[in-house]
Amino acid sequence: MKFKAEINVMPHKALLDPQGKAISKSMTNIGLPEITGVRMGKHIHLEVEAESEEAAKAKVEEACQKLLTNQITEYYEFTLAQAELEA
């Protein structure tokens, strides 16, 4: 079976986020001072072939831990859904 994963990777809340801080500061410059507290991360979409949902979750976890995130500075969350059959 094929599954689709949507992964969000963000800097740990306790760490400074220079990109987010720069974006927050720029919001004031473009006339949007009410937008604050920006945190910059990344969104990853992938497909995984697996025998079951549990096996697919394990593969996505492994990919996140070994390649897609820096566990020292980032955390991740993901959703997993069975891919729709193509017509």
C-alpha atoms as a PDB file:
ATOM      1  CA  MET A   1       0.000   0.000   0.000  1.00  0.00           C
ATOM      2  CA  LYS A   2       1.092   3.541  -0.620  1.00  0.00           C
ATOM      3  CA  PHE A   3       0.841   6.235   2.050  1.00  0.00           C
ATOM      4  CA  LYS A   4       1.360  10.001   1.962  1.00  0.00           C
ATOM      5  CA  ALA A   5       3.056  11.786   4.832  1.00  0.00           C
ATOM      6  CA  GLU A   6       2.933  15.510   5.597  1.00  0.00           C
ATOM      7  CA  ILE A   7       5.807  16.450   7.906  1.00  0.00           C
ATOM      8  CA  ASN A   8       6.269  19.776   9.703  1.00  0.00           C
ATOM      9  CA  VAL A   9       9.735  20.535  11.070  1.00  0.00           C
ATOM     10  CA  MET A  10      10.174  23.474  13.446  1.00  0.00           C
ATOM     11  CA  PRO A  11      12.956  24.821  15.662  1.00  0.00           C
ATOM     12  CA  HIS A  12      12.613  23.863  19.317  1.00  0.00           C
ATOM     13  CA  LYS A  13      10.584  26.492  21.158  1.00  0.00           C
ATOM     14  CA  ALA A  14      13.422  27.164  23.612  1.00  0.00           C
ATOM     15  CA  LEU A  15      15.843  28.085  20.804  1.00  0.00           C
ATOM     16  CA  LEU A  16      16.190  31.399  19.044  1.00  0.00           C
ATOM     17  CA  ASP A  17      14.816  31.506  15.509  1.00  0.00           C
ATOM     18  CA  PRO A  18      16.764  34.175  13.583  1.00  0.00           C
ATOM     19  CA  GLN A  19      14.703  33.713  10.399  1.00  0.00           C
ATOM     20  CA  GLY A  20      11.439  34.021  12.288  1.00  0.00           C
ATOM     21  CA  LYS A  21      12.702  37.081  14.148  1.00  0.00           C
ATOM     22  CA  ALA A  22      13.725  38.756  10.875  1.00  0.00           C
ATOM     23  CA  ILE A  23      10.308  38.029   9.357  1.00  0.00           C
ATOM     24  CA  SER A  24       8.531  39.382  12.453  1.00  0.00           C
ATOM     25  CA  LYS A  25      10.572  42.575  12.256  1.00  0.00           C
ATOM     26  CA  SER A  26       9.808  42.919   8.537  1.00  0.00           C
ATOM     27  CA  MET A  27       6.071  42.689   9.209  1.00  0.00           C
ATOM     28  CA  THR A  28       6.227  46.091  10.890  1.00  0.00           C
ATOM     29  CA  ASN A  29       8.127  47.482   7.898  1.00  0.00           C
ATOM     30  CA  ILE A  30       5.372  46.411   5.486  1.00  0.00           C
ATOM     31  CA  GLY A  31       2.545  47.766   7.622  1.00  0.00           C
ATOM     32  CA  LEU A  32       1.577  44.599   9.506  1.00  0.00           C
ATOM     33  CA  PRO A  33       2.742  45.286  13.074  1.00  0.00           C
ATOM     34  CA  GLU A  34      -0.002  43.048  14.504  1.00  0.00           C
ATOM     35  CA  ILE A  35       1.814  39.953  13.145  1.00  0.00           C
ATOM     36  CA  THR A  36       4.432  38.839  15.662  1.00  0.00           C
ATOM     37  CA  GLY A  37       6.051  35.698  17.008  1.00  0.00           C
ATOM     38  CA  VAL A  38       6.868  34.197  13.616  1.00  0.00           C
ATOM     39  CA  ARG A  39       8.684  30.846  13.710  1.00  0.00           C
ATOM     40  CA  MET A  40      10.220  29.581  10.469  1.00  0.00           C
ATOM     41  CA  GLY A  41      10.277  25.862   9.683  1.00  0.00           C
ATOM     42  CA  LYS A  42       9.871  23.521   6.761  1.00  0.00           C
ATOM     43  CA  HIS A  43       7.116  21.337   5.367  1.00  0.00           C
ATOM     44  CA  ILE A  44       7.947  18.029   3.696  1.00  0.00           C
ATOM     45  CA  HIS A  45       5.582  15.886   1.647  1.00  0.00           C
ATOM     46  CA  LEU A  46       6.573  12.313   0.835  1.00  0.00           C
ATOM     47  CA  GLU A  47       5.110   9.005  -0.227  1.00  0.00           C
ATOM     48  CA  VAL A  48       6.040   5.666   1.302  1.00  0.00           C
ATOM     49  CA  GLU A  49       5.285   2.131   0.191  1.00  0.00           C
ATOM     50  CA  ALA A  50       4.549  -0.145   3.160  1.00  0.00           C
ATOM     51  CA  GLU A  51       2.540  -3.225   4.068  1.00  0.00           C
ATOM     52  CA  SER A  52       0.580  -1.422   6.798  1.00  0.00           C
ATOM     53  CA  GLU A  53      -0.004   1.971   8.357  1.00  0.00           C
ATOM     54  CA  GLU A  54       2.189   1.000  11.333  1.00  0.00           C
ATOM     55  CA  ALA A  55       5.051   0.052   9.007  1.00  0.00           C
ATOM     56  CA  ALA A  56       4.646   3.333   7.101  1.00  0.00           C
ATOM     57  CA  LYS A  57       4.723   5.321  10.370  1.00  0.00           C
ATOM     58  CA  ALA A  58       7.920   3.532  11.376  1.00  0.00           C
ATOM     59  CA  LYS A  59       9.557   4.397   8.026  1.00  0.00           C
ATOM     60  CA  VAL A  60       8.560   8.070   8.295  1.00  0.00           C
ATOM     61  CA  GLU A  61       9.858   8.202  11.898  1.00  0.00           C
ATOM     62  CA  GLU A  62      13.164   6.715  10.753  1.00  0.00           C
ATOM     63  CA  ALA A  63      13.473   9.208   7.879  1.00  0.00           C
ATOM     64  CA  CYS A  64      12.748  12.131  10.221  1.00  0.00           C
ATOM     65  CA  GLN A  65      15.241  10.978  12.832  1.00  0.00           C
ATOM     66  CA  LYS A  66      18.046  10.024  10.443  1.00  0.00           C
ATOM     67  CA  LEU A  67      17.795  12.616   7.678  1.00  0.00           C
ATOM     68  CA  LEU A  68      14.986  15.160   7.671  1.00  0.00           C
ATOM     69  CA  THR A  69      15.569  16.842  11.042  1.00  0.00           C
ATOM     70  CA  ASN A  70      18.394  17.938  13.272  1.00  0.00           C
ATOM     71  CA  GLN A  71      17.119  16.535  16.556  1.00  0.00           C
ATOM     72  CA  ILE A  72      19.321  18.901  18.570  1.00  0.00           C
ATOM     73  CA  THR A  73      17.680  22.041  17.179  1.00  0.00           C
ATOM     74  CA  GLU A  74      14.391  20.855  15.633  1.00  0.00           C
ATOM     75  CA  TYR A  75      11.287  18.829  16.385  1.00  0.00           C
ATOM     76  CA  TYR A  76       8.822  17.308  13.954  1.00  0.00           C
ATOM     77  CA  GLU A  77       5.200  16.252  13.676  1.00  0.00           C
ATOM     78  CA  PHE A  78       3.582  14.336  10.854  1.00  0.00           C
ATOM     79  CA  THR A  79       0.298  13.035   9.564  1.00  0.00           C
ATOM     80  CA  LEU A  80      -0.063   9.910   7.500  1.00  0.00           C
ATOM     81  CA  ALA A  81      -2.877   8.940   5.129  1.00  0.00           C
ATOM     82  CA  GLN A  82      -3.369   6.176   2.654  1.00  0.00           C
ATOM     83  CA  ALA A  83      -2.716   7.463  -0.868  1.00  0.00           C
ATOM     84  CA  GLU A  84      -5.693   7.537  -3.183  1.00  0.00           C
ATOM     85  CA  LEU A  85      -5.615   5.237  -6.162  1.00  0.00           C
ATOM     86  CA  GLU A  86      -4.853   7.013  -9.419  1.00  0.00           C
ATOM     87  CA  ALA A  87      -7.546   6.735 -12.072  1.00  0.00           C
END
